[in-house]
């Protein structure tokens, strides 16, 4: 089982990549990206932005296990 944390555990103004890095530093192995009309990861994010989040998680060794919405 992987320990994980949700993006909403971090400040709303932090980009997903920063949250992933902080999650890794705190010892979490997985991360749940949260999407919404007003963020923290916006519904209208571009393919490039989403791929950058994925690539950053892979570099950090953090699994993107699920996505949440509100």
C-alpha atoms as a PDB file:
ATOM      1  CA  UNK A   1       0.000   0.000   0.000  1.00  0.00           C
ATOM      2  CA  UNK A   2       1.233   3.481  -0.892  1.00  0.00           C
ATOM      3  CA  UNK A   3       0.949   6.428   1.457  1.00  0.00           C
ATOM      4  CA  UNK A   4      -0.582   9.389  -0.316  1.00  0.00           C
ATOM      5  CA  UNK A   5      -1.830  12.916   0.074  1.00  0.00           C
ATOM      6  CA  UNK A   6      -4.393  15.055  -1.719  1.00  0.00           C
ATOM      7  CA  UNK A   7      -3.544  18.368  -3.405  1.00  0.00           C
ATOM      8  CA  UNK A   8      -6.123  20.149  -1.220  1.00  0.00           C
ATOM      9  CA  UNK A   9      -3.831  19.515   1.769  1.00  0.00           C
ATOM     10  CA  UNK A  10      -1.640  22.310   0.384  1.00  0.00           C
ATOM     11  CA  UNK A  11      -2.253  26.012  -0.193  1.00  0.00           C
ATOM     12  CA  UNK A  12      -4.526  26.762  -3.165  1.00  0.00           C
ATOM     13  CA  UNK A  13      -1.943  28.997  -4.815  1.00  0.00           C
ATOM     14  CA  UNK A  14       0.745  26.287  -5.030  1.00  0.00           C
ATOM     15  CA  UNK A  15       1.107  24.620  -8.427  1.00  0.00           C
ATOM     16  CA  UNK A  16       0.710  20.852  -8.532  1.00  0.00           C
ATOM     17  CA  UNK A  17       4.435  20.371  -9.170  1.00  0.00           C
ATOM     18  CA  UNK A  18       5.350  22.202  -5.966  1.00  0.00           C
ATOM     19  CA  UNK A  19       2.772  20.197  -4.016  1.00  0.00           C
ATOM     20  CA  UNK A  20       4.200  16.964  -5.421  1.00  0.00           C
ATOM     21  CA  UNK A  21       7.722  17.963  -4.374  1.00  0.00           C
ATOM     22  CA  UNK A  22       6.518  18.852  -0.897  1.00  0.00           C
ATOM     23  CA  UNK A  23       4.579  15.591  -0.652  1.00  0.00           C
ATOM     24  CA  UNK A  24       7.737  13.677  -1.587  1.00  0.00           C
ATOM     25  CA  UNK A  25       9.779  15.599   1.010  1.00  0.00           C
ATOM     26  CA  UNK A  26       7.174  14.694   3.619  1.00  0.00           C
ATOM     27  CA  UNK A  27       7.551  11.012   2.765  1.00  0.00           C
ATOM     28  CA  UNK A  28       4.406  10.417   0.715  1.00  0.00           C
ATOM     29  CA  UNK A  29       4.597   7.956  -2.160  1.00  0.00           C
ATOM     30  CA  UNK A  30       1.492   8.978  -4.082  1.00  0.00           C
ATOM     31  CA  UNK A  31      -0.386  12.163  -4.840  1.00  0.00           C
ATOM     32  CA  UNK A  32      -3.964  12.946  -5.807  1.00  0.00           C
ATOM     33  CA  UNK A  33      -4.321  15.847  -8.221  1.00  0.00           C
ATOM     34  CA  UNK A  34      -7.416  17.969  -7.549  1.00  0.00           C
ATOM     35  CA  UNK A  35      -9.192  19.645 -10.446  1.00  0.00           C
ATOM     36  CA  UNK A  36     -11.864  22.286 -10.447  1.00  0.00           C
ATOM     37  CA  UNK A  37     -13.136  25.319 -12.298  1.00  0.00           C
ATOM     38  CA  UNK A  38     -11.133  27.553  -9.962  1.00  0.00           C
ATOM     39  CA  UNK A  39      -8.247  25.176  -9.313  1.00  0.00           C
ATOM     40  CA  UNK A  40      -6.012  24.215  -7.705  1.00  0.00           C
ATOM     41  CA  UNK A  41      -5.484  22.410 -11.048  1.00  0.00           C
ATOM     42  CA  UNK A  42      -7.935  24.014 -13.421  1.00  0.00           C
ATOM     43  CA  UNK A  43     -10.349  22.073 -15.608  1.00  0.00           C
ATOM     44  CA  UNK A  44      -9.130  24.038 -18.621  1.00  0.00           C
ATOM     45  CA  UNK A  45      -5.478  23.094 -18.096  1.00  0.00           C
ATOM     46  CA  UNK A  46      -3.730  22.414 -21.385  1.00  0.00           C
ATOM     47  CA  UNK A  47      -2.320  19.059 -22.429  1.00  0.00           C
ATOM     48  CA  UNK A  48       1.141  20.568 -21.989  1.00  0.00           C
ATOM     49  CA  UNK A  49       0.374  21.598 -18.383  1.00  0.00           C
ATOM     50  CA  UNK A  50      -1.049  18.180 -17.499  1.00  0.00           C
ATOM     51  CA  UNK A  51       1.898  16.385 -19.095  1.00  0.00           C
ATOM     52  CA  UNK A  52       4.283  18.627 -17.133  1.00  0.00           C
ATOM     53  CA  UNK A  53       2.584  17.579 -13.881  1.00  0.00           C
ATOM     54  CA  UNK A  54       2.899  13.929 -14.870  1.00  0.00           C
ATOM     55  CA  UNK A  55       6.566  14.292 -15.853  1.00  0.00           C
ATOM     56  CA  UNK A  56       7.373  16.083 -12.607  1.00  0.00           C
ATOM     57  CA  UNK A  57       5.727  13.344 -10.558  1.00  0.00           C
ATOM     58  CA  UNK A  58       7.729  10.713 -12.449  1.00  0.00           C
ATOM     59  CA  UNK A  59      10.990  12.594 -11.810  1.00  0.00           C
ATOM     60  CA  UNK A  60      10.121  12.806  -8.110  1.00  0.00           C
ATOM     61  CA  UNK A  61       9.206   9.115  -7.996  1.00  0.00           C
ATOM     62  CA  UNK A  62       5.655   9.920  -6.868  1.00  0.00           C
ATOM     63  CA  UNK A  63       2.701   7.932  -8.203  1.00  0.00           C
ATOM     64  CA  UNK A  64      -0.319   9.891  -9.440  1.00  0.00           C
ATOM     65  CA  UNK A  65      -2.810   7.424  -8.108  1.00  0.00           C
ATOM     66  CA  UNK A  66      -6.111   9.261  -8.617  1.00  0.00           C
ATOM     67  CA  UNK A  67      -7.809  12.545  -9.435  1.00  0.00           C
ATOM     68  CA  UNK A  68     -10.313  14.398  -7.267  1.00  0.00           C
ATOM     69  CA  UNK A  69     -12.848  17.075  -8.163  1.00  0.00           C
ATOM     70  CA  UNK A  70     -15.099  19.256  -6.121  1.00  0.00           C
END
